[in-house]
C-alpha atoms as a PDB file:
ATOM      1  CA  MET A   1     -73.472 132.565-130.652  1.00  0.00           C
ATOM      2  CA  PRO A   2     -73.853 131.840-134.386  1.00  0.00           C
ATOM      3  CA  ILE A   3     -77.326 131.971-135.885  1.00  0.00           C
ATOM      4  CA  GLU A   4     -78.332 128.511-137.093  1.00  0.00           C
ATOM      5  CA  PRO A   5     -81.443 128.575-139.318  1.00  0.00           C
ATOM      6  CA  ASP A   6     -83.611 125.469-139.371  1.00  0.00           C
ATOM      7  CA  HIS A   7     -84.166 124.097-142.880  1.00  0.00           C
ATOM      8  CA  ARG A   8     -87.798 123.046-143.509  1.00  0.00           C
ATOM      9  CA  THR A   9     -90.377 122.723-146.277  1.00  0.00           C
ATOM     10  CA  TYR A  10     -93.991 123.901-146.131  1.00  0.00           C
ATOM     11  CA  THR A  11     -96.755 123.775-148.723  1.00  0.00           C
ATOM     12  CA  VAL A  12     -98.527 126.748-150.253  1.00  0.00           C
ATOM     13  CA  LEU A  13    -101.624 125.560-148.382  1.00  0.00           C
ATOM     14  CA  ASP A  14     -99.719 125.840-145.070  1.00  0.00           C
ATOM     15  CA  PHE A  15     -98.904 129.475-145.814  1.00  0.00           C
ATOM     16  CA  LEU A  16    -102.476 130.165-146.928  1.00  0.00           C
ATOM     17  CA  LYS A  17    -103.826 128.818-143.628  1.00  0.00           C
ATOM     18  CA  TRP A  18    -101.329 130.908-141.653  1.00  0.00           C
ATOM     19  CA  GLN A  19    -102.225 134.002-143.638  1.00  0.00           C
ATOM     20  CA  ARG A  20    -105.940 133.462-143.086  1.00  0.00           C
ATOM     21  CA  ASP A  21    -105.629 132.950-139.321  1.00  0.00           C
ATOM     22  CA  GLY A  22    -103.202 135.840-138.800  1.00  0.00           C
ATOM     23  CA  THR A  23    -100.132 133.716-138.022  1.00  0.00           C
ATOM     24  CA  LEU A  24     -98.132 135.106-140.938  1.00  0.00           C
ATOM     25  CA  GLN A  25     -96.636 138.601-140.997  1.00  0.00           C
ATOM     26  CA  LEU A  26     -95.787 139.271-144.613  1.00  0.00           C
ATOM     27  CA  ARG A  27     -94.338 142.738-144.310  1.00  0.00           C
ATOM     28  CA  PRO A  28     -92.015 143.582-141.424  1.00  0.00           C
ATOM     29  CA  PRO A  29     -90.784 147.210-141.371  1.00  0.00           C
ATOM     30  CA  PHE A  30     -87.637 146.583-143.430  1.00  0.00           C
ATOM     31  CA  GLN A  31     -89.427 144.805-146.270  1.00  0.00           C
ATOM     32  CA  ARG A  32     -90.164 146.659-149.508  1.00  0.00           C
ATOM     33  CA  ASN A  33     -93.699 147.251-150.705  1.00  0.00           C
ATOM     34  CA  ALA A  34     -95.103 144.794-153.239  1.00  0.00           C
ATOM     35  CA  VAL A  35     -93.491 145.798-156.534  1.00  0.00           C
ATOM     36  CA  TRP A  36     -93.666 142.752-158.777  1.00  0.00           C
ATOM     37  CA  ARG A  37     -95.252 143.242-162.177  1.00  0.00           C
ATOM     38  CA  PRO A  38     -97.840 140.889-163.705  1.00  0.00           C
ATOM     39  CA  ALA A  39     -95.363 139.083-165.983  1.00  0.00           C
ATOM     40  CA  LEU A  40     -93.103 138.109-163.087  1.00  0.00           C
ATOM     41  CA  LYS A  41     -96.092 137.023-161.006  1.00  0.00           C
ATOM     42  CA  SER A  42     -97.373 134.890-163.860  1.00  0.00           C
ATOM     43  CA  SER A  43     -93.926 133.347-164.255  1.00  0.00           C
ATOM     44  CA  LEU A  44     -93.898 132.283-160.603  1.00  0.00           C
ATOM     45  CA  ILE A  45     -97.321 130.617-160.846  1.00  0.00           C
ATOM     46  CA  ASP A  46     -96.205 128.890-164.041  1.00  0.00           C
ATOM     47  CA  SER A  47     -93.144 127.581-162.186  1.00  0.00           C
ATOM     48  CA  LEU A  48     -95.352 126.074-159.490  1.00  0.00           C
ATOM     49  CA  LEU A  49     -97.595 124.456-162.088  1.00  0.00           C
ATOM     50  CA  ARG A  50     -94.569 122.926-163.801  1.00  0.00           C
ATOM     51  CA  GLY A  51     -93.083 121.745-160.496  1.00  0.00           C
ATOM     52  CA  TYR A  52     -90.028 123.973-160.854  1.00  0.00           C
ATOM     53  CA  PRO A  53     -88.205 124.915-157.635  1.00  0.00           C
ATOM     54  CA  VAL A  54     -88.429 128.534-156.494  1.00  0.00           C
ATOM     55  CA  PRO A  55     -85.932 130.424-154.312  1.00  0.00           C
ATOM     56  CA  ALA A  56     -86.011 129.642-150.597  1.00  0.00           C
ATOM     57  CA  LEU A  57     -87.920 131.783-148.112  1.00  0.00           C
ATOM     58  CA  PHE A  58     -86.519 133.107-144.827  1.00  0.00           C
ATOM     59  CA  VAL A  59     -88.793 133.530-141.797  1.00  0.00           C
ATOM     60  CA  GLN A  60     -88.543 134.042-138.067  1.00  0.00           C
ATOM     61  CA  ASP A  61     -90.666 131.970-135.688  1.00  0.00           C
ATOM     62  CA  ARG A  62     -91.908 134.346-132.971  1.00  0.00           C
ATOM     63  CA  SER A  63     -94.347 131.897-131.427  1.00  0.00           C
ATOM     64  CA  ASP A  64     -95.295 132.664-127.816  1.00  0.00           C
ATOM     65  CA  VAL A  65     -94.744 129.517-125.778  1.00  0.00           C
ATOM     66  CA  SER A  66     -96.775 130.848-122.854  1.00  0.00           C
ATOM     67  CA  SER A  67     -99.914 131.655-124.884  1.00  0.00           C
ATOM     68  CA  PHE A  68     -99.345 128.948-127.508  1.00  0.00           C
ATOM     69  CA  GLU A  69     -99.847 131.590-130.228  1.00  0.00           C
ATOM     70  CA  ARG A  70     -97.780 131.113-133.345  1.00  0.00           C
ATOM     71  CA  ARG A  71     -96.380 133.997-135.342  1.00  0.00           C
ATOM     72  CA  LEU A  72     -94.193 133.750-138.410  1.00  0.00           C
ATOM     73  CA  VAL A  73     -92.443 136.853-139.709  1.00  0.00           C
ATOM     74  CA  VAL A  74     -91.224 136.843-143.325  1.00  0.00           C
ATOM     75  CA  ILE A  75     -87.646 138.090-143.500  1.00  0.00           C
ATOM     76  CA  ASP A  76     -87.023 137.394-147.177  1.00  0.00           C
ATOM     77  CA  GLY A  77     -89.607 136.218-149.714  1.00  0.00           C
ATOM     78  CA  GLN A  78     -92.522 138.601-149.213  1.00  0.00           C
ATOM     79  CA  GLN A  79     -92.965 139.181-152.947  1.00  0.00           C
ATOM     80  CA  ARG A  80     -93.097 135.464-153.723  1.00  0.00           C
ATOM     81  CA  LEU A  81     -95.555 134.654-150.961  1.00  0.00           C
ATOM     82  CA  ARG A  82     -97.778 137.639-151.667  1.00  0.00           C
ATOM     83  CA  THR A  83     -97.912 136.672-155.344  1.00  0.00           C
ATOM     84  CA  VAL A  84     -98.962 133.098-154.587  1.00  0.00           C
ATOM     85  CA  LEU A  85    -101.470 134.079-151.898  1.00  0.00           C
ATOM     86  CA  SER A  86    -103.091 136.784-154.027  1.00  0.00           C
ATOM     87  CA  TYR A  87    -103.465 134.352-156.920  1.00  0.00           C
ATOM     88  CA  VAL A  88    -104.948 131.553-154.813  1.00  0.00           C
ATOM     89  CA  ASP A  89    -107.108 133.688-152.494  1.00  0.00           C
ATOM     90  CA  LEU A  90    -106.995 137.468-152.815  1.00  0.00           C
ATOM     91  CA  SER A  91    -109.315 137.847-149.810  1.00  0.00           C
ATOM     92  CA  SER A  92    -106.578 136.394-147.576  1.00  0.00           C
ATOM     93  CA  LEU A  93    -104.655 139.668-147.982  1.00  0.00           C
ATOM     94  CA  LYS A  94    -106.217 142.269-145.724  1.00  0.00           C
ATOM     95  CA  ASP A  95    -104.272 145.032-147.505  1.00  0.00           C
ATOM     96  CA  ALA A  96    -105.031 143.758-151.039  1.00  0.00           C
ATOM     97  CA  GLU A  97    -104.804 146.351-153.828  1.00  0.00           C
ATOM     98  CA  ASP A  98    -105.771 146.385-157.504  1.00  0.00           C
ATOM     99  CA  ARG A  99    -102.197 145.545-158.495  1.00  0.00           C
ATOM    100  CA  ASP A 100    -102.450 142.277-156.543  1.00  0.00           C
ATOM    101  CA  VAL A 101    -104.927 141.004-159.152  1.00  0.00           C
ATOM    102  CA  PHE A 102    -103.319 139.156-162.064  1.00  0.00           C
ATOM    103  CA  LYS A 103    -103.796 136.178-164.374  1.00  0.00           C
ATOM    104  CA  LEU A 104    -101.608 133.483-165.871  1.00  0.00           C
ATOM    105  CA  LEU A 105    -100.273 135.001-169.097  1.00  0.00           C
ATOM    106  CA  PRO A 106    -100.339 133.151-172.448  1.00  0.00           C
ATOM    107  CA  LEU A 107     -96.657 134.063-172.717  1.00  0.00           C
ATOM    108  CA  HIS A 108     -95.909 131.461-170.044  1.00  0.00           C
ATOM    109  CA  ASP A 109     -98.657 128.960-170.752  1.00  0.00           C
ATOM    110  CA  ASP A 110    -100.753 129.250-173.876  1.00  0.00           C
ATOM    111  CA  SER A 111    -102.793 126.215-172.783  1.00  0.00           C
ATOM    112  CA  ARG A 112    -104.153 128.204-169.829  1.00  0.00           C
ATOM    113  CA  PRO A 113    -104.393 131.736-171.290  1.00  0.00           C
ATOM    114  CA  ASN A 114    -105.387 134.433-168.786  1.00  0.00           C
ATOM    115  CA  ALA A 115    -106.416 131.796-166.243  1.00  0.00           C
ATOM    116  CA  THR A 116    -107.300 132.771-162.705  1.00  0.00           C
ATOM    117  CA  PHE A 117    -106.980 130.212-159.931  1.00  0.00           C
ATOM    118  CA  GLU A 118    -110.702 129.443-160.267  1.00  0.00           C
ATOM    119  CA  ASP A 119    -110.247 128.838-164.006  1.00  0.00           C
ATOM    120  CA  LEU A 120    -107.682 126.091-163.421  1.00  0.00           C
ATOM    121  CA  SER A 121    -108.557 122.424-163.324  1.00  0.00           C
ATOM    122  CA  GLU A 122    -108.841 120.687-159.980  1.00  0.00           C
ATOM    123  CA  GLU A 123    -105.541 118.938-160.688  1.00  0.00           C
ATOM    124  CA  ASP A 124    -103.785 122.255-161.394  1.00  0.00           C
ATOM    125  CA  ARG A 125    -105.182 123.886-158.253  1.00  0.00           C
ATOM    126  CA  LYS A 126    -103.996 120.913-156.231  1.00  0.00           C
ATOM    127  CA  GLN A 127    -100.547 121.189-157.833  1.00  0.00           C
ATOM    128  CA  ILE A 128    -100.221 124.787-156.638  1.00  0.00           C
ATOM    129  CA  LEU A 129    -101.638 124.247-153.134  1.00  0.00           C
ATOM    130  CA  GLU A 130     -99.440 121.206-152.520  1.00  0.00           C
ATOM    131  CA  ALA A 131     -96.274 122.765-153.964  1.00  0.00           C
ATOM    132  CA  ARG A 132     -93.560 122.556-151.322  1.00  0.00           C
ATOM    133  CA  LEU A 133     -91.564 125.690-150.588  1.00  0.00           C
ATOM    134  CA  THR A 134     -88.111 125.609-149.050  1.00  0.00           C
ATOM    135  CA  VAL A 135     -88.012 127.698-145.870  1.00  0.00           C
ATOM    136  CA  TYR A 136     -85.190 128.693-143.519  1.00  0.00           C
ATOM    137  CA  VAL A 137     -86.463 129.457-140.025  1.00  0.00           C
ATOM    138  CA  VAL A 138     -84.682 131.341-137.242  1.00  0.00           C
ATOM    139  CA  ASP A 139     -86.018 131.474-133.715  1.00  0.00           C
ATOM    140  CA  SER A 140     -87.207 134.463-131.690  1.00  0.00           C
ATOM    141  CA  SER A 141     -83.813 134.955-130.000  1.00  0.00           C
ATOM    142  CA  VAL A 142     -82.530 136.643-133.176  1.00  0.00           C
ATOM    143  CA  THR A 143     -82.814 140.404-132.656  1.00  0.00           C
ATOM    144  CA  GLU A 144     -84.402 142.977-134.981  1.00  0.00           C
ATOM    145  CA  SER A 145     -80.991 144.416-135.802  1.00  0.00           C
ATOM    146  CA  GLU A 146     -79.682 140.958-136.687  1.00  0.00           C
ATOM    147  CA  LEU A 147     -82.740 140.321-138.867  1.00  0.00           C
ATOM    148  CA  LEU A 148     -82.161 143.590-140.676  1.00  0.00           C
ATOM    149  CA  GLU A 149     -78.529 142.642-141.248  1.00  0.00           C
ATOM    150  CA  ILE A 150     -79.552 139.199-142.551  1.00  0.00           C
ATOM    151  CA  PHE A 151     -82.033 140.825-144.931  1.00  0.00           C
ATOM    152  CA  ARG A 152     -79.459 143.336-146.151  1.00  0.00           C
ATOM    153  CA  ARG A 153     -76.843 140.679-146.783  1.00  0.00           C
ATOM    154  CA  MET A 154     -79.249 138.300-148.516  1.00  0.00           C
ATOM    155  CA  ASN A 155     -80.010 141.066-150.986  1.00  0.00           C
ATOM    156  CA  THR A 156     -76.399 142.141-151.602  1.00  0.00           C
ATOM    157  CA  TYR A 157     -74.371 138.937-151.875  1.00  0.00           C
ATOM    158  CA  GLY A 158     -73.008 137.895-155.220  1.00  0.00           C
ATOM    159  CA  ALA A 159     -70.457 138.804-157.856  1.00  0.00           C
ATOM    160  CA  LYS A 160     -70.765 141.950-159.907  1.00  0.00           C
ATOM    161  CA  LEU A 161     -73.559 141.448-162.433  1.00  0.00           C
ATOM    162  CA  ASN A 162     -73.048 141.849-166.154  1.00  0.00           C
ATOM    163  CA  ALA A 163     -75.424 143.970-168.240  1.00  0.00           C
ATOM    164  CA  GLN A 164     -77.864 141.152-168.995  1.00  0.00           C
ATOM    165  CA  GLU A 165     -77.886 139.921-165.391  1.00  0.00           C
ATOM    166  CA  LEU A 166     -78.773 143.470-164.335  1.00  0.00           C
ATOM    167  CA  ARG A 167     -81.659 143.495-166.828  1.00  0.00           C
ATOM    168  CA  ASN A 168     -82.820 140.191-165.444  1.00  0.00           C
ATOM    169  CA  ALA A 169     -82.882 141.686-161.946  1.00  0.00           C
ATOM    170  CA  GLN A 170     -84.481 144.995-162.934  1.00  0.00           C
ATOM    171  CA  HIS A 171     -87.162 143.917-165.403  1.00  0.00           C
ATOM    172  CA  SER A 172     -89.960 141.385-165.266  1.00  0.00           C
ATOM    173  CA  GLY A 173     -91.979 142.332-168.309  1.00  0.00           C
ATOM    174  CA  VAL A 174     -93.194 140.708-171.484  1.00  0.00           C
ATOM    175  CA  PHE A 175     -90.156 141.437-173.698  1.00  0.00           C
ATOM    176  CA  LYS A 176     -87.795 140.008-171.099  1.00  0.00           C
ATOM    177  CA  GLU A 177     -89.898 136.905-170.567  1.00  0.00           C
ATOM    178  CA  LEU A 178     -90.118 136.269-174.304  1.00  0.00           C
ATOM    179  CA  ALA A 179     -86.373 136.769-174.778  1.00  0.00           C
ATOM    180  CA  TYR A 180     -85.586 134.234-172.080  1.00  0.00           C
ATOM    181  CA  ARG A 181     -88.133 131.730-173.379  1.00  0.00           C
ATOM    182  CA  LEU A 182     -86.736 131.948-176.914  1.00  0.00           C
ATOM    183  CA  ALA A 183     -83.152 131.746-175.657  1.00  0.00           C
ATOM    184  CA  SER A 184     -84.102 128.564-173.808  1.00  0.00           C
ATOM    185  CA  ASP A 185     -85.793 127.166-176.920  1.00  0.00           C
ATOM    186  CA  PHE A 186     -82.526 127.690-178.818  1.00  0.00           C
ATOM    187  CA  PHE A 187     -80.340 126.103-176.124  1.00  0.00           C
ATOM    188  CA  ASP A 188     -79.366 123.140-178.311  1.00  0.00           C
ATOM    189  CA  TYR A 189     -78.707 125.425-181.275  1.00  0.00           C
ATOM    190  CA  TRP A 190     -76.247 127.600-179.319  1.00  0.00           C
ATOM    191  CA  LEU A 191     -74.270 124.563-178.187  1.00  0.00           C
ATOM    192  CA  ASP A 192     -74.493 122.536-181.398  1.00  0.00           C
ATOM    193  CA  TRP A 193     -73.455 125.501-183.524  1.00  0.00           C
ATOM    194  CA  GLY A 194     -70.699 126.508-181.086  1.00  0.00           C
ATOM    195  CA  THR A 195     -72.133 130.035-180.987  1.00  0.00           C
ATOM    196  CA  LEU A 196     -72.197 130.047-177.188  1.00  0.00           C
ATOM    197  CA  ASN A 197     -70.812 127.712-174.548  1.00  0.00           C
ATOM    198  CA  LYS A 198     -72.423 126.627-171.292  1.00  0.00           C
ATOM    199  CA  GLN A 199     -70.540 129.211-169.239  1.00  0.00           C
ATOM    200  CA  GLN A 200     -71.755 132.022-171.494  1.00  0.00           C
ATOM    201  CA  ILE A 201     -75.299 130.692-171.269  1.00  0.00           C
ATOM    202  CA  ALA A 202     -74.996 130.609-167.469  1.00  0.00           C
ATOM    203  CA  GLU A 203     -73.998 134.282-167.676  1.00  0.00           C
ATOM    204  CA  MET A 204     -77.204 134.957-169.708  1.00  0.00           C
ATOM    205  CA  ARG A 205     -75.316 135.840-172.895  1.00  0.00           C
ATOM    206  CA  ASP A 206     -77.876 133.748-174.777  1.00  0.00           C
ATOM    207  CA  ALA A 207     -80.729 135.970-173.547  1.00  0.00           C
ATOM    208  CA  GLU A 208     -78.798 139.105-174.493  1.00  0.00           C
ATOM    209  CA  PHE A 209     -78.058 137.827-178.001  1.00  0.00           C
ATOM    210  CA  THR A 210     -81.653 136.658-178.415  1.00  0.00           C
ATOM    211  CA  SER A 211     -82.803 140.150-177.404  1.00  0.00           C
ATOM    212  CA  ASP A 212     -80.568 141.543-180.143  1.00  0.00           C
ATOM    213  CA  LEU A 213     -82.096 139.167-182.717  1.00  0.00           C
ATOM    214  CA  MET A 214     -85.591 140.152-181.572  1.00  0.00           C
ATOM    215  CA  LEU A 215     -84.714 143.800-182.183  1.00  0.00           C
ATOM    216  CA  LEU A 216     -83.371 142.823-185.611  1.00  0.00           C
ATOM    217  CA  ALA A 217     -86.664 141.071-186.402  1.00  0.00           C
ATOM    218  CA  MET A 218     -88.675 144.059-185.205  1.00  0.00           C
ATOM    219  CA  GLU A 219     -86.693 147.037-186.493  1.00  0.00           C
ATOM    220  CA  GLY A 220     -84.004 145.806-188.857  1.00  0.00           C
ATOM    221  CA  VAL A 221     -80.252 145.971-188.551  1.00  0.00           C
ATOM    222  CA  GLY A 222     -78.902 148.150-185.765  1.00  0.00           C
ATOM    223  CA  ALA A 223     -75.923 148.538-183.499  1.00  0.00           C
ATOM    224  CA  THR A 224     -75.691 146.404-180.383  1.00  0.00           C
ATOM    225  CA  THR A 225     -75.686 148.909-177.555  1.00  0.00           C
ATOM    226  CA  GLN A 226     -76.539 148.148-173.963  1.00  0.00           C
ATOM    227  CA  LYS A 227     -78.582 151.342-173.907  1.00  0.00           C
ATOM    228  CA  ARG A 228     -80.783 150.236-176.821  1.00  0.00           C
ATOM    229  CA  ILE A 229     -81.488 146.847-175.257  1.00  0.00           C
ATOM    230  CA  ASP A 230     -82.188 148.509-171.893  1.00  0.00           C
ATOM    231  CA  GLU A 231     -84.642 150.895-173.567  1.00  0.00           C
ATOM    232  CA  THR A 232     -86.460 148.007-175.250  1.00  0.00           C
ATOM    233  CA  TYR A 233     -86.795 146.054-172.007  1.00  0.00           C
ATOM    234  CA  ALA A 234     -88.262 149.162-170.362  1.00  0.00           C
ATOM    235  CA  GLU A 235     -90.534 150.058-173.297  1.00  0.00           C
ATOM    236  CA  PHE A 236     -92.109 146.594-173.441  1.00  0.00           C
ATOM    237  CA  ASP A 237     -92.023 145.841-169.743  1.00  0.00           C
ATOM    238  CA  GLU A 238     -95.792 145.901-169.292  1.00  0.00           C
ATOM    239  CA  GLU A 239     -97.163 145.345-172.794  1.00  0.00           C
ATOM    240  CA  PHE A 240     -95.747 143.989-176.055  1.00  0.00           C
ATOM    241  CA  SER A 241     -98.509 143.782-178.639  1.00  0.00           C
ATOM    242  CA  GLY A 242     -96.238 142.330-181.318  1.00  0.00           C
ATOM    243  CA  ALA A 243     -94.840 139.553-179.118  1.00  0.00           C
ATOM    244  CA  ALA A 244     -96.369 136.605-180.980  1.00  0.00           C
ATOM    245  CA  GLU A 245     -95.385 137.930-184.406  1.00  0.00           C
ATOM    246  CA  CYS A 246     -91.844 138.669-183.239  1.00  0.00           C
ATOM    247  CA  ALA A 247     -91.482 135.203-181.695  1.00  0.00           C
ATOM    248  CA  ASP A 248     -92.739 133.522-184.872  1.00  0.00           C
ATOM    249  CA  ARG A 249     -90.303 135.493-187.039  1.00  0.00           C
ATOM    250  CA  VAL A 250     -87.286 134.742-184.847  1.00  0.00           C
ATOM    251  CA  LYS A 251     -88.137 131.049-184.516  1.00  0.00           C
ATOM    252  CA  SER A 252     -88.730 130.568-188.242  1.00  0.00           C
ATOM    253  CA  ILE A 253     -85.363 132.094-189.174  1.00  0.00           C
ATOM    254  CA  MET A 254     -83.474 130.278-186.424  1.00  0.00           C
ATOM    255  CA  ASP A 255     -85.004 126.955-187.476  1.00  0.00           C
ATOM    256  CA  LEU A 256     -83.999 127.654-191.065  1.00  0.00           C
ATOM    257  CA  MET A 257     -80.443 128.514-190.035  1.00  0.00           C
ATOM    258  CA  ASN A 258     -80.247 125.259-188.113  1.00  0.00           C
ATOM    259  CA  LYS A 259     -80.992 123.439-191.369  1.00  0.00           C
ATOM    260  CA  ILE A 260     -78.285 125.445-193.120  1.00  0.00           C
ATOM    261  CA  PHE A 261     -75.794 124.649-190.334  1.00  0.00           C
ATOM    262  CA  ARG A 262     -76.338 120.890-190.424  1.00  0.00           C
ATOM    263  CA  ASP A 263     -73.352 120.451-192.708  1.00  0.00           C
ATOM    264  CA  ARG A 264     -71.140 122.072-190.085  1.00  0.00           C
ATOM    265  CA  ALA A 265     -67.844 121.717-191.916  1.00  0.00           C
ATOM    266  CA  SER A 266     -69.010 123.877-194.825  1.00  0.00           C
ATOM    267  CA  VAL A 267     -70.328 126.740-192.682  1.00  0.00           C
ATOM    268  CA  ARG A 268     -68.326 126.540-189.462  1.00  0.00           C
ATOM    269  CA  ARG A 269     -67.033 130.123-189.705  1.00  0.00           C
ATOM    270  CA  LEU A 270     -70.596 131.469-189.894  1.00  0.00           C
ATOM    271  CA  THR A 271     -71.658 130.192-186.473  1.00  0.00           C
ATOM    272  CA  THR A 272     -70.058 132.994-184.450  1.00  0.00           C
ATOM    273  CA  ARG A 273     -72.451 135.582-183.038  1.00  0.00           C
ATOM    274  CA  MET A 274     -71.239 138.198-185.513  1.00  0.00           C
ATOM    275  CA  TRP A 275     -72.026 136.067-188.555  1.00  0.00           C
ATOM    276  CA  VAL A 276     -75.177 134.473-187.097  1.00  0.00           C
ATOM    277  CA  TYR A 277     -76.592 137.982-186.728  1.00  0.00           C
ATOM    278  CA  SER A 278     -75.694 138.893-190.309  1.00  0.00           C
ATOM    279  CA  LEU A 279     -77.006 135.632-191.768  1.00  0.00           C
ATOM    280  CA  PHE A 280     -80.248 136.127-189.819  1.00  0.00           C
ATOM    281  CA  ASP A 281     -80.494 139.636-191.290  1.00  0.00           C
ATOM    282  CA  ALA A 282     -79.806 138.404-194.830  1.00  0.00           C
ATOM    283  CA  ILE A 283     -82.440 135.672-194.612  1.00  0.00           C
ATOM    284  CA  GLN A 284     -84.966 138.145-193.219  1.00  0.00           C
ATOM    285  CA  ARG A 285     -84.329 140.518-196.122  1.00  0.00           C
ATOM    286  CA  LEU A 286     -84.714 137.778-198.720  1.00  0.00           C
ATOM    287  CA  ARG A 287     -87.504 135.651-197.340  1.00  0.00           C
ATOM    288  CA  PHE A 288     -89.579 138.312-195.552  1.00  0.00           C
ATOM    289  CA  GLY A 289     -88.656 141.497-197.371  1.00  0.00           C
ATOM    290  CA  GLY A 290     -87.294 143.116-194.217  1.00  0.00           C
ATOM    291  CA  PRO A 291     -88.183 143.580-190.525  1.00  0.00           C
ATOM    292  CA  LEU A 292     -91.645 143.561-189.011  1.00  0.00           C
ATOM    293  CA  GLN A 293     -91.664 147.352-188.681  1.00  0.00           C
ATOM    294  CA  GLY A 294     -91.134 149.668-191.631  1.00  0.00           C
ATOM    295  CA  SER A 295     -91.521 149.284-195.377  1.00  0.00           C
ATOM    296  CA  GLU A 296     -90.866 145.878-196.889  1.00  0.00           C
ATOM    297  CA  SER A 297     -88.874 145.230-200.038  1.00  0.00           C
ATOM    298  CA  SER A 298     -89.829 142.435-202.405  1.00  0.00           C
ATOM    299  CA  ARG A 299     -89.556 138.911-201.079  1.00  0.00           C
ATOM    300  CA  GLN A 300     -87.578 136.339-202.983  1.00  0.00           C
ATOM    301  CA  ARG A 301     -88.255 132.658-203.408  1.00  0.00           C
ATOM    302  CA  ILE A 302     -84.962 131.090-202.417  1.00  0.00           C
ATOM    303  CA  SER A 303     -84.640 127.400-201.682  1.00  0.00           C
ATOM    304  CA  LEU A 304     -82.917 125.791-198.731  1.00  0.00           C
ATOM    305  CA  GLU A 305     -80.369 124.299-201.128  1.00  0.00           C
ATOM    306  CA  ASP A 306     -79.545 127.745-202.531  1.00  0.00           C
ATOM    307  CA  LEU A 307     -79.217 129.110-198.984  1.00  0.00           C
ATOM    308  CA  ARG A 308     -76.793 126.313-198.141  1.00  0.00           C
ATOM    309  CA  LYS A 309     -74.718 126.900-201.264  1.00  0.00           C
ATOM    310  CA  GLY A 310     -74.563 130.635-200.660  1.00  0.00           C
ATOM    311  CA  ALA A 311     -73.610 130.159-196.992  1.00  0.00           C
ATOM    312  CA  SER A 312     -70.841 127.761-198.049  1.00  0.00           C
ATOM    313  CA  LYS A 313     -69.472 130.375-200.470  1.00  0.00           C
ATOM    314  CA  VAL A 314     -69.361 132.983-197.701  1.00  0.00           C
ATOM    315  CA  ASN A 315     -67.682 130.501-195.362  1.00  0.00           C
ATOM    316  CA  LEU A 316     -65.066 129.658-197.993  1.00  0.00           C
ATOM    317  CA  ALA A 317     -64.314 133.343-198.575  1.00  0.00           C
ATOM    318  CA  ILE A 318     -63.781 133.829-194.833  1.00  0.00           C
ATOM    319  CA  GLU A 319     -61.480 130.799-194.605  1.00  0.00           C
ATOM    320  CA  ASN A 320     -59.494 131.815-197.688  1.00  0.00           C
ATOM    321  CA  ASP A 321     -59.237 135.403-196.461  1.00  0.00           C
ATOM    322  CA  SER A 322     -60.813 136.506-199.757  1.00  0.00           C
ATOM    323  CA  LEU A 323     -63.646 138.682-198.484  1.00  0.00           C
ATOM    324  CA  PRO A 324     -63.965 142.040-200.267  1.00  0.00           C
ATOM    325  CA  GLU A 325     -61.963 144.617-198.342  1.00  0.00           C
ATOM    326  CA  SER A 326     -65.091 146.574-197.354  1.00  0.00           C
ATOM    327  CA  VAL A 327     -66.589 143.393-195.866  1.00  0.00           C
ATOM    328  CA  ALA A 328     -63.311 142.355-194.239  1.00  0.00           C
ATOM    329  CA  ARG A 329     -63.181 145.755-192.501  1.00  0.00           C
ATOM    330  CA  ALA A 330     -66.702 145.085-191.242  1.00  0.00           C
ATOM    331  CA  THR A 331     -65.407 142.043-189.355  1.00  0.00           C
ATOM    332  CA  ARG A 332     -62.750 143.980-187.457  1.00  0.00           C
ATOM    333  CA  GLY A 333     -62.840 146.674-184.801  1.00  0.00           C
ATOM    334  CA  ALA A 334     -66.372 147.947-184.248  1.00  0.00           C
ATOM    335  CA  ALA A 335     -67.839 144.874-185.958  1.00  0.00           C
ATOM    336  CA  ASN A 336     -71.242 145.312-184.319  1.00  0.00           C
ATOM    337  CA  ASP A 337     -71.943 148.873-185.340  1.00  0.00           C
ATOM    338  CA  ARG A 338     -74.754 149.464-187.815  1.00  0.00           C
ATOM    339  CA  GLN A 339     -72.516 150.134-190.826  1.00  0.00           C
ATOM    340  CA  SER A 340     -70.482 146.948-190.328  1.00  0.00           C
ATOM    341  CA  ARG A 341     -73.592 144.840-189.896  1.00  0.00           C
ATOM    342  CA  GLU A 342     -75.135 146.329-193.029  1.00  0.00           C
ATOM    343  CA  ALA A 343     -72.006 145.564-195.041  1.00  0.00           C
ATOM    344  CA  ARG A 344     -71.883 141.924-193.925  1.00  0.00           C
ATOM    345  CA  ALA A 345     -75.603 141.308-194.483  1.00  0.00           C
ATOM    346  CA  LYS A 346     -75.585 142.825-197.977  1.00  0.00           C
ATOM    347  CA  TYR A 347     -72.559 140.731-198.889  1.00  0.00           C
ATOM    348  CA  ILE A 348     -74.322 137.558-197.702  1.00  0.00           C
ATOM    349  CA  VAL A 349     -77.440 138.504-199.676  1.00  0.00           C
ATOM    350  CA  ARG A 350     -75.334 138.828-202.830  1.00  0.00           C
ATOM    351  CA  GLN A 351     -73.782 135.417-202.273  1.00  0.00           C
ATOM    352  CA  LEU A 352     -77.113 133.771-201.514  1.00  0.00           C
ATOM    353  CA  THR A 353     -78.707 135.114-204.705  1.00  0.00           C
ATOM    354  CA  LYS A 354     -75.805 134.506-207.099  1.00  0.00           C
ATOM    355  CA  GLU A 355     -76.310 131.875-209.734  1.00  0.00           C
END
């Protein structure tokens, strides 16, 4: 007979009551230990506060009809439930550990920085407790082996993940969260400029490119390698002391480029990822004297009008196929290696500062 899960919704308060009275079994034998990091936990609480949907839970109802005792076993969703329960009432977890304690991070909500549940307003606490969670329920006739198979399949379905999708699955730290927040902030830019399309954004290419721009803001021009981005996600998984400064730098340059790109016809060839990166680098060199880390060169006062004129000159050279040969080579083949990026950025700087 096919297994037919029952689709229901329950509130966070329902699960809290069940946890307190022993109805809920959060960790059957095949579930992993609690492994979520503070940034991912904070992100989940922020989602509840904003009314965002969260992935569905899967439980088995093992209620005993003869004794009228209810028992709900979590098949998939232990990490989500444990996060919410530990935030709302840590004492409800009989096996609570130090790592279950966390706060709402300013990264997700700077209006409630480092807030515990008790720090929230009555309205916010109500929002969390009354948040409705989608739940699929199977009955007690489903065997342990079938449950294990359901759990295995729920965690293996899906197409092969690209590099950024793998990072999204493997990391939950501050750098990742900031990259995704900035990428979302620039959603209209990507589409308006034509730098990325909706399919590429769905594949998280926007987060990957934003991560590359963050590295450019932090360290200066470098080669785009999956290894380097992976290392950065791991290095700043738990703490990223320069997060605010990095975010401010990236946003200020992106906002400036959006002003440059308003006259799309005169700069249309500069809105590809390759040239966006190089223009970002050139503006950072001129306006900020270089990246956040390392020695700075002198800053230059250059107006928006001069930036627009210089960008138009570069665009015209690309369209007329009149780039210097050394720069033209830097647009072909390994166009994203360090040397090619340096060549393009220096060329743009020269055009932006020419009288």
